[in-house]
């Protein structure tokens, strides 16, 4: 029960984000943490959640939805943003 109460603020994180980019990053981080915790062993569950949150947040930032239908926003290695088909 205490673990649930500790993770409750993480579930509300995407709702607190203002812009679509921040929402995408927050949703990626929460989803990555959930997947990382789920695939980790019992003694490494916290590490798995942390790594998953970092990877998910980065993926949510770099690969986010674009304003056009069927298009996604990407970022290249130099930080330049471009839009291409998903």
PDB file of N, CA and C in Angstrom:
ATOM      1  N   UNK A   1       0.819  -1.189   0.000  1.00  0.00           N
ATOM      2  CA  UNK A   1       0.000   0.000   0.000  1.00  0.00           C
ATOM      3  C   UNK A   1       0.869   1.262   0.000  1.00  0.00           C
ATOM      4  N   UNK A   2       1.964   1.222   0.752  1.00  0.00           N
ATOM      5  CA  UNK A   2       2.827   2.406   0.790  1.00  0.00           C
ATOM      6  C   UNK A   2       3.517   2.632  -0.553  1.00  0.00           C
ATOM      7  N   UNK A   3       3.832   1.550  -1.260  1.00  0.00           N
ATOM      8  CA  UNK A   3       4.433   1.719  -2.587  1.00  0.00           C
ATOM      9  C   UNK A   3       3.456   2.394  -3.535  1.00  0.00           C
ATOM     10  N   UNK A   4       2.183   2.005  -3.439  1.00  0.00           N
ATOM     11  CA  UNK A   4       1.176   2.634  -4.285  1.00  0.00           C
ATOM     12  C   UNK A   4       1.074   4.124  -3.978  1.00  0.00           C
ATOM     13  N   UNK A   5       1.100   4.474  -2.715  1.00  0.00           N
ATOM     14  CA  UNK A   5       1.009   5.884  -2.339  1.00  0.00           C
ATOM     15  C   UNK A   5       2.239   6.670  -2.784  1.00  0.00           C
ATOM     16  N   UNK A   6       3.384   6.005  -2.842  1.00  0.00           N
ATOM     17  CA  UNK A   6       4.597   6.672  -3.310  1.00  0.00           C
ATOM     18  C   UNK A   6       4.593   6.853  -4.824  1.00  0.00           C
ATOM     19  N   UNK A   7       3.952   5.943  -5.549  1.00  0.00           N
ATOM     20  CA  UNK A   7       3.925   6.043  -7.007  1.00  0.00           C
ATOM     21  C   UNK A   7       2.760   6.875  -7.520  1.00  0.00           C
ATOM     22  N   UNK A   8       1.822   7.213  -6.670  1.00  0.00           N
ATOM     23  CA  UNK A   8       0.671   8.001  -7.091  1.00  0.00           C
ATOM     24  C   UNK A   8       1.058   9.343  -7.711  1.00  0.00           C
ATOM     25  N   UNK A   9       2.032  10.086  -7.159  1.00  0.00           N
ATOM     26  CA  UNK A   9       2.425  11.342  -7.830  1.00  0.00           C
ATOM     27  C   UNK A   9       3.000  11.123  -9.227  1.00  0.00           C
ATOM     28  N   UNK A  10       3.648   9.992  -9.474  1.00  0.00           N
ATOM     29  CA  UNK A  10       4.184   9.719 -10.811  1.00  0.00           C
ATOM     30  C   UNK A  10       3.071   9.538 -11.820  1.00  0.00           C
ATOM     31  N   UNK A  11       1.950   8.983 -11.396  1.00  0.00           N
ATOM     32  CA  UNK A  11       0.839   8.783 -12.315  1.00  0.00           C
ATOM     33  C   UNK A  11       0.195  10.110 -12.708  1.00  0.00           C
ATOM     34  N   UNK A  12       0.288  11.109 -11.846  1.00  0.00           N
ATOM     35  CA  UNK A  12      -0.284  12.422 -12.141  1.00  0.00           C
ATOM     36  C   UNK A  12       0.691  13.320 -12.899  1.00  0.00           C
ATOM     37  N   UNK A  13       1.917  12.899 -13.088  1.00  0.00           N
ATOM     38  CA  UNK A  13       2.937  13.717 -13.745  1.00  0.00           C
ATOM     39  C   UNK A  13       2.540  14.160 -15.152  1.00  0.00           C
ATOM     40  N   UNK A  14       2.026  13.273 -16.009  1.00  0.00           N
ATOM     41  CA  UNK A  14       1.648  13.748 -17.350  1.00  0.00           C
ATOM     42  C   UNK A  14       0.532  14.785 -17.320  1.00  0.00           C
ATOM     43  N   UNK A  15      -0.311  14.770 -16.317  1.00  0.00           N
ATOM     44  CA  UNK A  15      -1.392  15.747 -16.232  1.00  0.00           C
ATOM     45  C   UNK A  15      -0.889  17.131 -15.859  1.00  0.00           C
ATOM     46  N   UNK A  16       0.263  17.202 -15.183  1.00  0.00           N
ATOM     47  CA  UNK A  16       0.805  18.480 -14.750  1.00  0.00           C
ATOM     48  C   UNK A  16       1.615  19.179 -15.835  1.00  0.00           C
ATOM     49  N   UNK A  17       1.948  18.491 -16.900  1.00  0.00           N
ATOM     50  CA  UNK A  17       2.740  19.090 -17.971  1.00  0.00           C
ATOM     51  C   UNK A  17       1.893  20.080 -18.761  1.00  0.00           C
ATOM     52  N   UNK A  18       2.512  21.152 -19.195  1.00  0.00           N
ATOM     53  CA  UNK A  18       1.779  22.233 -19.863  1.00  0.00           C
ATOM     54  C   UNK A  18       1.695  22.036 -21.375  1.00  0.00           C
ATOM     55  N   UNK A  19       2.829  21.875 -22.016  1.00  0.00           N
ATOM     56  CA  UNK A  19       2.856  21.797 -23.475  1.00  0.00           C
ATOM     57  C   UNK A  19       2.770  20.334 -23.921  1.00  0.00           C
ATOM     58  N   UNK A  20       2.385  20.103 -25.166  1.00  0.00           N
ATOM     59  CA  UNK A  20       2.359  18.721 -25.671  1.00  0.00           C
ATOM     60  C   UNK A  20       3.730  18.041 -25.595  1.00  0.00           C
ATOM     61  N   UNK A  21       4.802  18.808 -25.791  1.00  0.00           N
ATOM     62  CA  UNK A  21       6.146  18.232 -25.690  1.00  0.00           C
ATOM     63  C   UNK A  21       6.425  17.751 -24.274  1.00  0.00           C
ATOM     64  N   UNK A  22       6.047  18.557 -23.275  1.00  0.00           N
ATOM     65  CA  UNK A  22       6.244  18.150 -21.886  1.00  0.00           C
ATOM     66  C   UNK A  22       5.362  16.954 -21.533  1.00  0.00           C
ATOM     67  N   UNK A  23       4.152  16.918 -22.063  1.00  0.00           N
ATOM     68  CA  UNK A  23       3.260  15.791 -21.821  1.00  0.00           C
ATOM     69  C   UNK A  23       3.831  14.520 -22.422  1.00  0.00           C
ATOM     70  N   UNK A  24       4.392  14.620 -23.613  1.00  0.00           N
ATOM     71  CA  UNK A  24       4.995  13.464 -24.265  1.00  0.00           C
ATOM     72  C   UNK A  24       6.200  12.961 -23.474  1.00  0.00           C
ATOM     73  N   UNK A  25       7.016  13.875 -22.974  1.00  0.00           N
ATOM     74  CA  UNK A  25       8.173  13.500 -22.167  1.00  0.00           C
ATOM     75  C   UNK A  25       7.740  12.832 -20.865  1.00  0.00           C
ATOM     76  N   UNK A  26       6.763  13.422 -20.191  1.00  0.00           N
ATOM     77  CA  UNK A  26       6.287  12.864 -18.917  1.00  0.00           C
ATOM     78  C   UNK A  26       5.642  11.504 -19.116  1.00  0.00           C
ATOM     79  N   UNK A  27       4.848  11.367 -20.162  1.00  0.00           N
ATOM     80  CA  UNK A  27       4.206  10.085 -20.427  1.00  0.00           C
ATOM     81  C   UNK A  27       5.242   9.016 -20.774  1.00  0.00           C
ATOM     82  N   UNK A  28       6.270   9.391 -21.532  1.00  0.00           N
ATOM     83  CA  UNK A  28       7.344   8.454 -21.843  1.00  0.00           C
ATOM     84  C   UNK A  28       8.101   8.020 -20.598  1.00  0.00           C
ATOM     85  N   UNK A  29       8.335   8.958 -19.687  1.00  0.00           N
ATOM     86  CA  UNK A  29       9.051   8.640 -18.450  1.00  0.00           C
ATOM     87  C   UNK A  29       8.233   7.717 -17.559  1.00  0.00           C
ATOM     88  N   UNK A  30       6.945   7.986 -17.421  1.00  0.00           N
ATOM     89  CA  UNK A  30       6.089   7.135 -16.582  1.00  0.00           C
ATOM     90  C   UNK A  30       5.958   5.744 -17.202  1.00  0.00           C
ATOM     91  N   UNK A  31       5.743   5.692 -18.505  1.00  0.00           N
ATOM     92  CA  UNK A  31       5.647   4.396 -19.170  1.00  0.00           C
ATOM     93  C   UNK A  31       6.950   3.617 -19.116  1.00  0.00           C
ATOM     94  N   UNK A  32       8.054   4.307 -19.307  1.00  0.00           N
ATOM     95  CA  UNK A  32       9.355   3.651 -19.232  1.00  0.00           C
ATOM     96  C   UNK A  32       9.656   3.121 -17.847  1.00  0.00           C
ATOM     97  N   UNK A  33       9.272   3.874 -16.819  1.00  0.00           N
ATOM     98  CA  UNK A  33       9.481   3.412 -15.444  1.00  0.00           C
ATOM     99  C   UNK A  33       8.652   2.172 -15.162  1.00  0.00           C
ATOM    100  N   UNK A  34       7.428   2.146 -15.652  1.00  0.00           N
ATOM    101  CA  UNK A  34       6.566   0.976 -15.444  1.00  0.00           C
ATOM    102  C   UNK A  34       7.130  -0.251 -16.137  1.00  0.00           C
ATOM    103  N   UNK A  35       7.571  -0.081 -17.367  1.00  0.00           N
ATOM    104  CA  UNK A  35       8.143  -1.216 -18.101  1.00  0.00           C
ATOM    105  C   UNK A  35       9.463  -1.646 -17.475  1.00  0.00           C
ATOM    106  N   UNK A  36      10.291  -0.689 -17.097  1.00  0.00           N
ATOM    107  CA  UNK A  36      11.573  -1.023 -16.470  1.00  0.00           C
ATOM    108  C   UNK A  36      11.402  -1.776 -15.172  1.00  0.00           C
ATOM    109  N   UNK A  37      10.425  -1.389 -14.368  1.00  0.00           N
ATOM    110  CA  UNK A  37      10.166  -2.093 -13.115  1.00  0.00           C
ATOM    111  C   UNK A  37       9.584  -3.475 -13.372  1.00  0.00           C
ATOM    112  N   UNK A  38       8.774  -3.592 -14.413  1.00  0.00           N
ATOM    113  CA  UNK A  38       8.127  -4.872 -14.699  1.00  0.00           C
ATOM    114  C   UNK A  38       9.107  -5.932 -15.196  1.00  0.00           C
ATOM    115  N   UNK A  39      10.111  -5.519 -15.950  1.00  0.00           N
ATOM    116  CA  UNK A  39      11.031  -6.503 -16.526  1.00  0.00           C
ATOM    117  C   UNK A  39      12.258  -6.752 -15.668  1.00  0.00           C
ATOM    118  N   UNK A  40      12.406  -6.028 -14.570  1.00  0.00           N
ATOM    119  CA  UNK A  40      13.561  -6.199 -13.693  1.00  0.00           C
ATOM    120  C   UNK A  40      13.304  -7.297 -12.669  1.00  0.00           C
ATOM    121  N   UNK A  41      14.389  -7.816 -12.127  1.00  0.00           N
ATOM    122  CA  UNK A  41      14.253  -8.794 -11.051  1.00  0.00           C
ATOM    123  C   UNK A  41      13.856  -8.077  -9.768  1.00  0.00           C
ATOM    124  N   UNK A  42      13.474  -8.840  -8.754  1.00  0.00           N
ATOM    125  CA  UNK A  42      12.979  -8.241  -7.520  1.00  0.00           C
ATOM    126  C   UNK A  42      14.002  -7.343  -6.828  1.00  0.00           C
ATOM    127  N   UNK A  43      15.263  -7.736  -6.825  1.00  0.00           N
ATOM    128  CA  UNK A  43      16.261  -6.918  -6.125  1.00  0.00           C
ATOM    129  C   UNK A  43      16.713  -5.706  -6.934  1.00  0.00           C
ATOM    130  N   UNK A  44      16.442  -5.679  -8.233  1.00  0.00           N
ATOM    131  CA  UNK A  44      16.845  -4.551  -9.077  1.00  0.00           C
ATOM    132  C   UNK A  44      15.657  -3.762  -9.619  1.00  0.00           C
ATOM    133  N   UNK A  45      14.509  -3.876  -8.988  1.00  0.00           N
ATOM    134  CA  UNK A  45      13.303  -3.226  -9.500  1.00  0.00           C
ATOM    135  C   UNK A  45      13.423  -1.701  -9.531  1.00  0.00           C
ATOM    136  N   UNK A  46      14.044  -1.111  -8.504  1.00  0.00           N
ATOM    137  CA  UNK A  46      14.191   0.341  -8.468  1.00  0.00           C
ATOM    138  C   UNK A  46      15.140   0.821  -9.561  1.00  0.00           C
ATOM    139  N   UNK A  47      16.236   0.086  -9.762  1.00  0.00           N
ATOM    140  CA  UNK A  47      17.171   0.449 -10.832  1.00  0.00           C
ATOM    141  C   UNK A  47      16.507   0.332 -12.193  1.00  0.00           C
ATOM    142  N   UNK A  48      15.735  -0.720 -12.389  1.00  0.00           N
ATOM    143  CA  UNK A  48      15.022  -0.897 -13.653  1.00  0.00           C
ATOM    144  C   UNK A  48      14.035   0.213 -13.915  1.00  0.00           C
ATOM    145  N   UNK A  49      13.326   0.638 -12.871  1.00  0.00           N
ATOM    146  CA  UNK A  49      12.373   1.737 -13.023  1.00  0.00           C
ATOM    147  C   UNK A  49      13.092   3.042 -13.337  1.00  0.00           C
ATOM    148  N   UNK A  50      14.230   3.281 -12.709  1.00  0.00           N
ATOM    149  CA  UNK A  50      14.994   4.501 -12.953  1.00  0.00           C
ATOM    150  C   UNK A  50      15.529   4.536 -14.385  1.00  0.00           C
ATOM    151  N   UNK A  51      16.114   3.436 -14.821  1.00  0.00           N
ATOM    152  CA  UNK A  51      16.642   3.377 -16.185  1.00  0.00           C
ATOM    153  C   UNK A  51      15.502   3.496 -17.192  1.00  0.00           C
ATOM    154  N   UNK A  52      14.395   2.817 -16.920  1.00  0.00           N
ATOM    155  CA  UNK A  52      13.239   2.905 -17.809  1.00  0.00           C
ATOM    156  C   UNK A  52      12.681   4.313 -17.900  1.00  0.00           C
ATOM    157  N   UNK A  53      12.646   5.029 -16.776  1.00  0.00           N
ATOM    158  CA  UNK A  53      12.154   6.406 -16.776  1.00  0.00           C
ATOM    159  C   UNK A  53      13.065   7.315 -17.593  1.00  0.00           C
ATOM    160  N   UNK A  54      14.358   7.117 -17.480  1.00  0.00           N
ATOM    161  CA  UNK A  54      15.309   7.944 -18.239  1.00  0.00           C
ATOM    162  C   UNK A  54      15.174   7.678 -19.734  1.00  0.00           C
ATOM    163  N   UNK A  55      15.146   6.405 -20.104  1.00  0.00           N
ATOM    164  CA  UNK A  55      15.037   6.053 -21.520  1.00  0.00           C
ATOM    165  C   UNK A  55      13.676   6.477 -22.075  1.00  0.00           C
ATOM    166  N   UNK A  56      12.611   6.237 -21.312  1.00  0.00           N
ATOM    167  CA  UNK A  56      11.280   6.624 -21.766  1.00  0.00           C
ATOM    168  C   UNK A  56      11.118   8.126 -21.892  1.00  0.00           C
ATOM    169  N   UNK A  57      11.683   8.869 -20.958  1.00  0.00           N
ATOM    170  CA  UNK A  57      11.624  10.327 -21.039  1.00  0.00           C
ATOM    171  C   UNK A  57      12.388  10.859 -22.235  1.00  0.00           C
ATOM    172  N   UNK A  58      13.547  10.289 -22.486  1.00  0.00           N
ATOM    173  CA  UNK A  58      14.331  10.712 -23.648  1.00  0.00           C
ATOM    174  C   UNK A  58      13.604  10.375 -24.945  1.00  0.00           C
ATOM    175  N   UNK A  59      13.020   9.190 -25.001  1.00  0.00           N
ATOM    176  CA  UNK A  59      12.271   8.809 -26.203  1.00  0.00           C
ATOM    177  C   UNK A  59      11.041   9.691 -26.384  1.00  0.00           C
ATOM    178  N   UNK A  60      10.370  10.016 -25.295  1.00  0.00           N
ATOM    179  CA  UNK A  60       9.215  10.898 -25.391  1.00  0.00           C
ATOM    180  C   UNK A  60       9.579  12.290 -25.847  1.00  0.00           C
ATOM    181  N   UNK A  61      10.779  12.741 -25.490  1.00  0.00           N
ATOM    182  CA  UNK A  61      11.245  14.061 -25.915  1.00  0.00           C
ATOM    183  C   UNK A  61      11.668  14.050 -27.378  1.00  0.00           C
ATOM    184  N   UNK A  62      12.425  13.052 -27.762  1.00  0.00           N
ATOM    185  CA  UNK A  62      12.971  13.014 -29.115  1.00  0.00           C
ATOM    186  C   UNK A  62      11.969  12.568 -30.160  1.00  0.00           C
ATOM    187  N   UNK A  63      11.068  11.678 -29.798  1.00  0.00           N
ATOM    188  CA  UNK A  63      10.083  11.153 -30.738  1.00  0.00           C
ATOM    189  C   UNK A  63       8.697  11.503 -30.228  1.00  0.00           C
ATOM    190  N   UNK A  64       8.261  12.686 -30.517  1.00  0.00           N
ATOM    191  CA  UNK A  64       6.964  13.125 -30.020  1.00  0.00           C
ATOM    192  C   UNK A  64       5.977  13.318 -31.146  1.00  0.00           C
ATOM    193  N   UNK A  65       4.712  13.471 -30.796  1.00  0.00           N
ATOM    194  CA  UNK A  65       3.704  13.697 -31.827  1.00  0.00           C
ATOM    195  C   UNK A  65       3.834  15.094 -32.434  1.00  0.00           C
ATOM    196  N   UNK A  66       3.572  15.197 -33.696  1.00  0.00           N
ATOM    197  CA  UNK A  66       3.582  16.492 -34.380  1.00  0.00           C
ATOM    198  C   UNK A  66       2.149  16.997 -34.492  1.00  0.00           C
ATOM    199  N   UNK A  67       2.000  18.218 -34.955  1.00  0.00           N
ATOM    200  CA  UNK A  67       0.668  18.798 -35.046  1.00  0.00           C
ATOM    201  C   UNK A  67      -0.109  18.267 -36.246  1.00  0.00           C
ATOM    202  N   UNK A  68       0.557  17.741 -37.253  1.00  0.00           N
ATOM    203  CA  UNK A  68      -0.117  17.200 -38.421  1.00  0.00           C
ATOM    204  C   UNK A  68      -0.475  15.735 -38.198  1.00  0.00           C
ATOM    205  N   UNK A  69      -1.578  15.313 -38.760  1.00  0.00           N
ATOM    206  CA  UNK A  69      -2.014  13.929 -38.631  1.00  0.00           C
ATOM    207  C   UNK A  69      -1.089  13.006 -39.422  1.00  0.00           C
ATOM    208  N   UNK A  70      -0.678  11.903 -38.807  1.00  0.00           N
ATOM    209  CA  UNK A  70       0.194  10.938 -39.479  1.00  0.00           C
ATOM    210  C   UNK A  70       1.650  11.359 -39.526  1.00  0.00           C
ATOM    211  N   UNK A  71       1.995  12.451 -38.878  1.00  0.00           N
ATOM    212  CA  UNK A  71       3.366  12.951 -38.865  1.00  0.00           C
ATOM    213  C   UNK A  71       3.906  12.900 -37.443  1.00  0.00           C
ATOM    214  N   UNK A  72       5.194  12.686 -37.300  1.00  0.00           N
ATOM    215  CA  UNK A  72       5.844  12.690 -35.990  1.00  0.00           C
ATOM    216  C   UNK A  72       6.989  13.693 -36.003  1.00  0.00           C
ATOM    217  N   UNK A  73       7.289  14.193 -34.848  1.00  0.00           N
ATOM    218  CA  UNK A  73       8.371  15.156 -34.680  1.00  0.00           C
ATOM    219  C   UNK A  73       9.606  14.386 -34.214  1.00  0.00           C
ATOM    220  N   UNK A  74      10.722  14.564 -34.915  1.00  0.00           N
ATOM    221  CA  UNK A  74      11.977  13.896 -34.582  1.00  0.00           C
ATOM    222  C   UNK A  74      13.042  14.950 -34.326  1.00  0.00           C
ATOM    223  N   UNK A  75      14.121  14.520 -33.686  1.00  0.00           N
ATOM    224  CA  UNK A  75      15.252  15.406 -33.418  1.00  0.00           C
ATOM    225  C   UNK A  75      16.515  14.658 -33.836  1.00  0.00           C
ATOM    226  N   UNK A  76      17.350  15.302 -34.645  1.00  0.00           N
ATOM    227  CA  UNK A  76      18.576  14.635 -35.090  1.00  0.00           C
ATOM    228  C   UNK A  76      19.681  14.790 -34.047  1.00  0.00           C
ATOM    229  N   UNK A  77      20.856  14.265 -34.364  1.00  0.00           N
ATOM    230  CA  UNK A  77      21.958  14.253 -33.408  1.00  0.00           C
ATOM    231  C   UNK A  77      22.482  15.646 -33.080  1.00  0.00           C
ATOM    232  N   UNK A  78      22.130  16.638 -33.891  1.00  0.00           N
ATOM    233  CA  UNK A  78      22.576  18.003 -33.642  1.00  0.00           C
ATOM    234  C   UNK A  78      21.515  18.836 -32.924  1.00  0.00           C
ATOM    235  N   UNK A  79      20.389  18.207 -32.577  1.00  0.00           N
ATOM    236  CA  UNK A  79      19.328  18.893 -31.857  1.00  0.00           C
ATOM    237  C   UNK A  79      18.331  19.607 -32.754  1.00  0.00           C
ATOM    238  N   UNK A  80      18.435  19.441 -34.054  1.00  0.00           N
ATOM    239  CA  UNK A  80      17.532  20.085 -34.979  1.00  0.00           C
ATOM    240  C   UNK A  80      16.251  19.244 -35.092  1.00  0.00           C
ATOM    241  N   UNK A  81      15.113  19.907 -35.015  1.00  0.00           N
ATOM    242  CA  UNK A  81      13.826  19.233 -35.074  1.00  0.00           C
ATOM    243  C   UNK A  81      13.342  19.165 -36.509  1.00  0.00           C
ATOM    244  N   UNK A  82      12.736  18.020 -36.881  1.00  0.00           N
ATOM    245  CA  UNK A  82      12.116  17.887 -38.198  1.00  0.00           C
ATOM    246  C   UNK A  82      10.897  17.002 -38.085  1.00  0.00           C
ATOM    247  N   UNK A  83      10.006  17.110 -39.043  1.00  0.00           N
ATOM    248  CA  UNK A  83       8.764  16.356 -39.051  1.00  0.00           C
ATOM    249  C   UNK A  83       8.794  15.399 -40.232  1.00  0.00           C
ATOM    250  N   UNK A  84       8.452  14.146 -39.981  1.00  0.00           N
ATOM    251  CA  UNK A  84       8.445  13.112 -41.014  1.00  0.00           C
ATOM    252  C   UNK A  84       7.296  12.153 -40.718  1.00  0.00           C
ATOM    253  N   UNK A  85       6.926  11.330 -41.714  1.00  0.00           N
ATOM    254  CA  UNK A  85       5.870  10.341 -41.457  1.00  0.00           C
ATOM    255  C   UNK A  85       6.272   9.391 -40.344  1.00  0.00           C
ATOM    256  N   UNK A  86       5.288   9.000 -39.544  1.00  0.00           N
ATOM    257  CA  UNK A  86       5.552   8.079 -38.425  1.00  0.00           C
ATOM    258  C   UNK A  86       5.870   6.680 -38.903  1.00  0.00           C
TER     259      UNK A  86
END
